[in-house]
């Protein structure tokens, strides 16, 4: 999950900040970021929203960081 850490650092966020933005416990988030645990669909969605990217980018299905247009 190097993309996850890279994006978080680009935003200047700590893992604690990610916990506040996503509701994912910091220890669980740390395991996701280090690849010791997989995220669920809902966790992936929350992380993508917090980091302003797409779920496909987080899943390494695309190299485009920019998120898709969202419904308001």
PDB file of N, CA and C in Angstrom:
ATOM      1  N   UNK A   1       0.809  -1.197   0.000  1.00  0.00           N
ATOM      2  CA  UNK A   1       0.000   0.000   0.000  1.00  0.00           C
ATOM      3  C   UNK A   1       0.856   1.266   0.000  1.00  0.00           C
ATOM      4  N   UNK A   2       1.893   1.273  -0.791  1.00  0.00           N
ATOM      5  CA  UNK A   2       2.764   2.444  -0.821  1.00  0.00           C
ATOM      6  C   UNK A   2       2.030   3.679  -1.332  1.00  0.00           C
ATOM      7  N   UNK A   3       1.061   3.499  -2.216  1.00  0.00           N
ATOM      8  CA  UNK A   3       0.288   4.639  -2.710  1.00  0.00           C
ATOM      9  C   UNK A   3      -0.475   5.318  -1.581  1.00  0.00           C
ATOM     10  N   UNK A   4      -0.975   4.523  -0.691  1.00  0.00           N
ATOM     11  CA  UNK A   4      -1.747   5.045   0.426  1.00  0.00           C
ATOM     12  C   UNK A   4      -0.876   5.957   1.288  1.00  0.00           C
ATOM     13  N   UNK A   5       0.285   5.499   1.640  1.00  0.00           N
ATOM     14  CA  UNK A   5       1.204   6.286   2.465  1.00  0.00           C
ATOM     15  C   UNK A   5       1.673   7.526   1.709  1.00  0.00           C
ATOM     16  N   UNK A   6       1.973   7.354   0.436  1.00  0.00           N
ATOM     17  CA  UNK A   6       2.427   8.455  -0.404  1.00  0.00           C
ATOM     18  C   UNK A   6       1.371   9.571  -0.456  1.00  0.00           C
ATOM     19  N   UNK A   7       0.128   9.199  -0.695  1.00  0.00           N
ATOM     20  CA  UNK A   7      -0.944  10.191  -0.758  1.00  0.00           C
ATOM     21  C   UNK A   7      -1.161  10.877   0.586  1.00  0.00           C
ATOM     22  N   UNK A   8      -1.121  10.103   1.648  1.00  0.00           N
ATOM     23  CA  UNK A   8      -1.317  10.666   2.988  1.00  0.00           C
ATOM     24  C   UNK A   8      -0.234  11.697   3.284  1.00  0.00           C
ATOM     25  N   UNK A   9       1.009  11.352   2.968  1.00  0.00           N
ATOM     26  CA  UNK A   9       2.124  12.264   3.226  1.00  0.00           C
ATOM     27  C   UNK A   9       2.036  13.511   2.342  1.00  0.00           C
ATOM     28  N   UNK A  10       1.604  13.350   1.076  1.00  0.00           N
ATOM     29  CA  UNK A  10       1.426  14.496   0.177  1.00  0.00           C
ATOM     30  C   UNK A  10       0.436  15.503   0.760  1.00  0.00           C
ATOM     31  N   UNK A  11      -0.591  14.997   1.404  1.00  0.00           N
ATOM     32  CA  UNK A  11      -1.612  15.854   2.019  1.00  0.00           C
ATOM     33  C   UNK A  11      -1.132  16.434   3.349  1.00  0.00           C
ATOM     34  N   UNK A  12      -0.050  15.896   3.886  1.00  0.00           N
ATOM     35  CA  UNK A  12       0.445  16.348   5.180  1.00  0.00           C
ATOM     36  C   UNK A  12      -0.351  15.778   6.342  1.00  0.00           C
ATOM     37  N   UNK A  13      -1.023  14.646   6.107  1.00  0.00           N
ATOM     38  CA  UNK A  13      -1.857  14.026   7.132  1.00  0.00           C
ATOM     39  C   UNK A  13      -1.066  12.991   7.928  1.00  0.00           C
ATOM     40  N   UNK A  14      -1.384  12.888   9.198  1.00  0.00           N
ATOM     41  CA  UNK A  14      -0.859  11.812  10.028  1.00  0.00           C
ATOM     42  C   UNK A  14      -1.870  10.673  10.009  1.00  0.00           C
ATOM     43  N   UNK A  15      -1.485   9.539  10.562  1.00  0.00           N
ATOM     44  CA  UNK A  15      -2.435   8.427  10.660  1.00  0.00           C
ATOM     45  C   UNK A  15      -3.572   8.786  11.610  1.00  0.00           C
ATOM     46  N   UNK A  16      -3.298   9.612  12.606  1.00  0.00           N
ATOM     47  CA  UNK A  16      -4.352  10.064  13.520  1.00  0.00           C
ATOM     48  C   UNK A  16      -5.359  10.940  12.760  1.00  0.00           C
ATOM     49  N   UNK A  17      -4.856  11.814  11.891  1.00  0.00           N
ATOM     50  CA  UNK A  17      -5.745  12.656  11.064  1.00  0.00           C
ATOM     51  C   UNK A  17      -6.614  11.768  10.169  1.00  0.00           C
ATOM     52  N   UNK A  18      -6.022  10.709   9.612  1.00  0.00           N
ATOM     53  CA  UNK A  18      -6.796   9.785   8.776  1.00  0.00           C
ATOM     54  C   UNK A  18      -7.875   9.101   9.604  1.00  0.00           C
ATOM     55  N   UNK A  19      -7.569   8.784  10.853  1.00  0.00           N
ATOM     56  CA  UNK A  19      -8.572   8.189  11.732  1.00  0.00           C
ATOM     57  C   UNK A  19      -9.742   9.155  11.904  1.00  0.00           C
ATOM     58  N   UNK A  20      -9.440  10.429  12.103  1.00  0.00           N
ATOM     59  CA  UNK A  20     -10.503  11.424  12.284  1.00  0.00           C
ATOM     60  C   UNK A  20     -11.322  11.603  11.008  1.00  0.00           C
ATOM     61  N   UNK A  21     -10.673  11.552   9.848  1.00  0.00           N
ATOM     62  CA  UNK A  21     -11.369  11.764   8.576  1.00  0.00           C
ATOM     63  C   UNK A  21     -12.184  10.553   8.132  1.00  0.00           C
ATOM     64  N   UNK A  22     -11.710   9.349   8.470  1.00  0.00           N
ATOM     65  CA  UNK A  22     -12.341   8.143   7.936  1.00  0.00           C
ATOM     66  C   UNK A  22     -13.110   7.323   8.963  1.00  0.00           C
ATOM     67  N   UNK A  23     -12.785   7.507  10.236  1.00  0.00           N
ATOM     68  CA  UNK A  23     -13.399   6.675  11.265  1.00  0.00           C
ATOM     69  C   UNK A  23     -12.745   5.312  11.399  1.00  0.00           C
ATOM     70  N   UNK A  24     -11.646   5.097  10.670  1.00  0.00           N
ATOM     71  CA  UNK A  24     -10.904   3.840  10.759  1.00  0.00           C
ATOM     72  C   UNK A  24      -9.889   3.983  11.886  1.00  0.00           C
ATOM     73  N   UNK A  25      -9.901   3.065  12.825  1.00  0.00           N
ATOM     74  CA  UNK A  25      -8.982   3.106  13.953  1.00  0.00           C
ATOM     75  C   UNK A  25      -7.545   3.232  13.459  1.00  0.00           C
ATOM     76  N   UNK A  26      -6.744   4.040  14.139  1.00  0.00           N
ATOM     77  CA  UNK A  26      -5.371   4.293  13.705  1.00  0.00           C
ATOM     78  C   UNK A  26      -4.557   3.007  13.579  1.00  0.00           C
ATOM     79  N   UNK A  27      -4.722   2.086  14.511  1.00  0.00           N
ATOM     80  CA  UNK A  27      -3.941   0.837  14.423  1.00  0.00           C
ATOM     81  C   UNK A  27      -4.372   0.019  13.206  1.00  0.00           C
ATOM     82  N   UNK A  28      -5.667   0.004  12.908  1.00  0.00           N
ATOM     83  CA  UNK A  28      -6.139  -0.690  11.699  1.00  0.00           C
ATOM     84  C   UNK A  28      -5.635   0.020  10.448  1.00  0.00           C
ATOM     85  N   UNK A  29      -5.687   1.348  10.462  1.00  0.00           N
ATOM     86  CA  UNK A  29      -5.208   2.116   9.314  1.00  0.00           C
ATOM     87  C   UNK A  29      -3.725   1.834   9.068  1.00  0.00           C
ATOM     88  N   UNK A  30      -2.937   1.784  10.147  1.00  0.00           N
ATOM     89  CA  UNK A  30      -1.511   1.501  10.036  1.00  0.00           C
ATOM     90  C   UNK A  30      -1.276   0.138   9.381  1.00  0.00           C
ATOM     91  N   UNK A  31      -2.076  -0.851   9.761  1.00  0.00           N
ATOM     92  CA  UNK A  31      -1.941  -2.197   9.175  1.00  0.00           C
ATOM     93  C   UNK A  31      -2.327  -2.185   7.701  1.00  0.00           C
ATOM     94  N   UNK A  32      -3.343  -1.416   7.348  1.00  0.00           N
ATOM     95  CA  UNK A  32      -3.751  -1.294   5.944  1.00  0.00           C
ATOM     96  C   UNK A  32      -2.628  -0.647   5.149  1.00  0.00           C
ATOM     97  N   UNK A  33      -2.079   0.437   5.682  1.00  0.00           N
ATOM     98  CA  UNK A  33      -1.025   1.171   4.989  1.00  0.00           C
ATOM     99  C   UNK A  33       0.236   0.333   4.802  1.00  0.00           C
ATOM    100  N   UNK A  34       0.545  -0.513   5.766  1.00  0.00           N
ATOM    101  CA  UNK A  34       1.754  -1.336   5.669  1.00  0.00           C
ATOM    102  C   UNK A  34       1.521  -2.649   4.913  1.00  0.00           C
ATOM    103  N   UNK A  35       0.276  -2.912   4.522  1.00  0.00           N
ATOM    104  CA  UNK A  35      -0.024  -4.117   3.762  1.00  0.00           C
ATOM    105  C   UNK A  35      -0.268  -5.348   4.613  1.00  0.00           C
ATOM    106  N   UNK A  36      -0.364  -5.177   5.924  1.00  0.00           N
ATOM    107  CA  UNK A  36      -0.611  -6.310   6.815  1.00  0.00           C
ATOM    108  C   UNK A  36      -2.098  -6.647   6.914  1.00  0.00           C
ATOM    109  N   UNK A  37      -2.923  -5.763   6.373  1.00  0.00           N
ATOM    110  CA  UNK A  37      -4.371  -5.966   6.411  1.00  0.00           C
ATOM    111  C   UNK A  37      -4.968  -5.322   5.165  1.00  0.00           C
ATOM    112  N   UNK A  38      -6.010  -5.938   4.613  1.00  0.00           N
ATOM    113  CA  UNK A  38      -6.709  -5.369   3.469  1.00  0.00           C
ATOM    114  C   UNK A  38      -7.852  -4.492   3.955  1.00  0.00           C
ATOM    115  N   UNK A  39      -8.164  -3.473   3.168  1.00  0.00           N
ATOM    116  CA  UNK A  39      -9.311  -2.670   3.546  1.00  0.00           C
ATOM    117  C   UNK A  39     -10.575  -3.201   2.899  1.00  0.00           C
ATOM    118  N   UNK A  40     -11.701  -2.919   3.544  1.00  0.00           N
ATOM    119  CA  UNK A  40     -12.997  -3.295   3.003  1.00  0.00           C
ATOM    120  C   UNK A  40     -13.386  -2.285   1.928  1.00  0.00           C
ATOM    121  N   UNK A  41     -14.432  -2.578   1.195  1.00  0.00           N
ATOM    122  CA  UNK A  41     -14.938  -1.651   0.184  1.00  0.00           C
ATOM    123  C   UNK A  41     -15.265  -0.311   0.825  1.00  0.00           C
ATOM    124  N   UNK A  42     -15.957  -0.339   1.951  1.00  0.00           N
ATOM    125  CA  UNK A  42     -16.366   0.899   2.618  1.00  0.00           C
ATOM    126  C   UNK A  42     -15.154   1.673   3.143  1.00  0.00           C
ATOM    127  N   UNK A  43     -14.160   0.981   3.671  1.00  0.00           N
ATOM    128  CA  UNK A  43     -12.941   1.655   4.124  1.00  0.00           C
ATOM    129  C   UNK A  43     -12.210   2.287   2.944  1.00  0.00           C
ATOM    130  N   UNK A  44     -12.152   1.581   1.836  1.00  0.00           N
ATOM    131  CA  UNK A  44     -11.507   2.103   0.633  1.00  0.00           C
ATOM    132  C   UNK A  44     -12.222   3.372   0.171  1.00  0.00           C
ATOM    133  N   UNK A  45     -13.535   3.344   0.199  1.00  0.00           N
ATOM    134  CA  UNK A  45     -14.342   4.502  -0.200  1.00  0.00           C
ATOM    135  C   UNK A  45     -14.034   5.701   0.695  1.00  0.00           C
ATOM    136  N   UNK A  46     -14.008   5.483   2.003  1.00  0.00           N
ATOM    137  CA  UNK A  46     -13.738   6.570   2.949  1.00  0.00           C
ATOM    138  C   UNK A  46     -12.332   7.133   2.778  1.00  0.00           C
ATOM    139  N   UNK A  47     -11.369   6.263   2.554  1.00  0.00           N
ATOM    140  CA  UNK A  47      -9.986   6.698   2.356  1.00  0.00           C
ATOM    141  C   UNK A  47      -9.864   7.499   1.063  1.00  0.00           C
ATOM    142  N   UNK A  48     -10.484   7.019  -0.003  1.00  0.00           N
ATOM    143  CA  UNK A  48     -10.440   7.730  -1.287  1.00  0.00           C
ATOM    144  C   UNK A  48     -11.042   9.131  -1.155  1.00  0.00           C
ATOM    145  N   UNK A  49     -12.142   9.243  -0.444  1.00  0.00           N
ATOM    146  CA  UNK A  49     -12.756  10.562  -0.231  1.00  0.00           C
ATOM    147  C   UNK A  49     -11.844  11.466   0.588  1.00  0.00           C
ATOM    148  N   UNK A  50     -11.248  10.925   1.641  1.00  0.00           N
ATOM    149  CA  UNK A  50     -10.376  11.720   2.514  1.00  0.00           C
ATOM    150  C   UNK A  50      -9.125  12.192   1.776  1.00  0.00           C
ATOM    151  N   UNK A  51      -8.607  11.380   0.872  1.00  0.00           N
ATOM    152  CA  UNK A  51      -7.372  11.711   0.162  1.00  0.00           C
ATOM    153  C   UNK A  51      -7.633  12.322  -1.217  1.00  0.00           C
ATOM    154  N   UNK A  52      -8.903  12.539  -1.546  1.00  0.00           N
ATOM    155  CA  UNK A  52      -9.301  13.147  -2.816  1.00  0.00           C
ATOM    156  C   UNK A  52      -8.702  12.412  -4.013  1.00  0.00           C
ATOM    157  N   UNK A  53      -8.956  11.111  -4.043  1.00  0.00           N
ATOM    158  CA  UNK A  53      -8.504  10.273  -5.144  1.00  0.00           C
ATOM    159  C   UNK A  53      -9.598   9.267  -5.463  1.00  0.00           C
ATOM    160  N   UNK A  54      -9.322   8.348  -6.361  1.00  0.00           N
ATOM    161  CA  UNK A  54     -10.313   7.322  -6.705  1.00  0.00           C
ATOM    162  C   UNK A  54      -9.975   5.998  -6.027  1.00  0.00           C
ATOM    163  N   UNK A  55     -10.985   5.187  -5.864  1.00  0.00           N
ATOM    164  CA  UNK A  55     -10.774   3.849  -5.317  1.00  0.00           C
ATOM    165  C   UNK A  55      -9.909   3.031  -6.269  1.00  0.00           C
ATOM    166  N   UNK A  56     -10.052   3.261  -7.568  1.00  0.00           N
ATOM    167  CA  UNK A  56      -9.230   2.547  -8.550  1.00  0.00           C
ATOM    168  C   UNK A  56      -7.748   2.875  -8.372  1.00  0.00           C
ATOM    169  N   UNK A  57      -7.431   4.126  -8.041  1.00  0.00           N
ATOM    170  CA  UNK A  57      -6.029   4.484  -7.816  1.00  0.00           C
ATOM    171  C   UNK A  57      -5.490   3.764  -6.586  1.00  0.00           C
ATOM    172  N   UNK A  58      -6.290   3.729  -5.525  1.00  0.00           N
ATOM    173  CA  UNK A  58      -5.859   3.038  -4.309  1.00  0.00           C
ATOM    174  C   UNK A  58      -5.667   1.548  -4.555  1.00  0.00           C
ATOM    175  N   UNK A  59      -6.502   0.974  -5.423  1.00  0.00           N
ATOM    176  CA  UNK A  59      -6.414  -0.457  -5.732  1.00  0.00           C
ATOM    177  C   UNK A  59      -5.390  -0.747  -6.838  1.00  0.00           C
ATOM    178  N   UNK A  60      -4.682   0.294  -7.280  1.00  0.00           N
ATOM    179  CA  UNK A  60      -3.661   0.182  -8.318  1.00  0.00           C
ATOM    180  C   UNK A  60      -4.216  -0.326  -9.650  1.00  0.00           C
ATOM    181  N   UNK A  61      -5.453   0.078  -9.953  1.00  0.00           N
ATOM    182  CA  UNK A  61      -6.070  -0.260 -11.233  1.00  0.00           C
ATOM    183  C   UNK A  61      -5.850   0.841 -12.266  1.00  0.00           C
ATOM    184  N   UNK A  62      -5.399   2.005 -11.797  1.00  0.00           N
ATOM    185  CA  UNK A  62      -5.075   3.122 -12.674  1.00  0.00           C
ATOM    186  C   UNK A  62      -3.921   3.901 -12.053  1.00  0.00           C
ATOM    187  N   UNK A  63      -3.241   4.648 -12.888  1.00  0.00           N
ATOM    188  CA  UNK A  63      -2.171   5.505 -12.387  1.00  0.00           C
ATOM    189  C   UNK A  63      -2.625   6.959 -12.276  1.00  0.00           C
ATOM    190  N   UNK A  64      -3.887   7.222 -12.556  1.00  0.00           N
ATOM    191  CA  UNK A  64      -4.457   8.562 -12.484  1.00  0.00           C
ATOM    192  C   UNK A  64      -4.923   8.849 -11.059  1.00  0.00           C
ATOM    193  N   UNK A  65      -4.261   9.807 -10.390  1.00  0.00           N
ATOM    194  CA  UNK A  65      -4.614  10.144  -9.005  1.00  0.00           C
ATOM    195  C   UNK A  65      -5.940  10.899  -8.910  1.00  0.00           C
ATOM    196  N   UNK A  66      -6.224  11.682  -9.937  1.00  0.00           N
ATOM    197  CA  UNK A  66      -7.405  12.549  -9.910  1.00  0.00           C
ATOM    198  C   UNK A  66      -8.687  11.714  -9.756  1.00  0.00           C
ATOM    199  N   UNK A  67      -9.556  12.118  -8.837  1.00  0.00           N
ATOM    200  CA  UNK A  67     -10.793  11.348  -8.652  1.00  0.00           C
ATOM    201  C   UNK A  67     -11.755  11.568  -9.812  1.00  0.00           C
ATOM    202  N   UNK A  68     -12.666  10.634  -9.968  1.00  0.00           N
ATOM    203  CA  UNK A  68     -13.722  10.773 -10.961  1.00  0.00           C
ATOM    204  C   UNK A  68     -14.672  11.881 -10.516  1.00  0.00           C
ATOM    205  N   UNK A  69     -15.418  12.475 -11.445  1.00  0.00           N
ATOM    206  CA  UNK A  69     -16.432  13.462 -11.024  1.00  0.00           C
ATOM    207  C   UNK A  69     -17.423  12.794 -10.068  1.00  0.00           C
ATOM    208  N   UNK A  70     -17.778  13.512  -9.004  1.00  0.00           N
ATOM    209  CA  UNK A  70     -18.677  12.958  -7.996  1.00  0.00           C
ATOM    210  C   UNK A  70     -20.052  13.595  -8.071  1.00  0.00           C
ATOM    211  N   UNK A  71     -21.064  12.797  -7.732  1.00  0.00           N
ATOM    212  CA  UNK A  71     -22.421  13.337  -7.608  1.00  0.00           C
ATOM    213  C   UNK A  71     -22.509  14.144  -6.331  1.00  0.00           C
ATOM    214  N   UNK A  72     -23.178  15.230  -6.387  1.00  0.00           N
ATOM    215  CA  UNK A  72     -23.316  16.079  -5.188  1.00  0.00           C
ATOM    216  C   UNK A  72     -24.591  15.799  -4.467  1.00  0.00           C
TER     217      UNK A  72
END
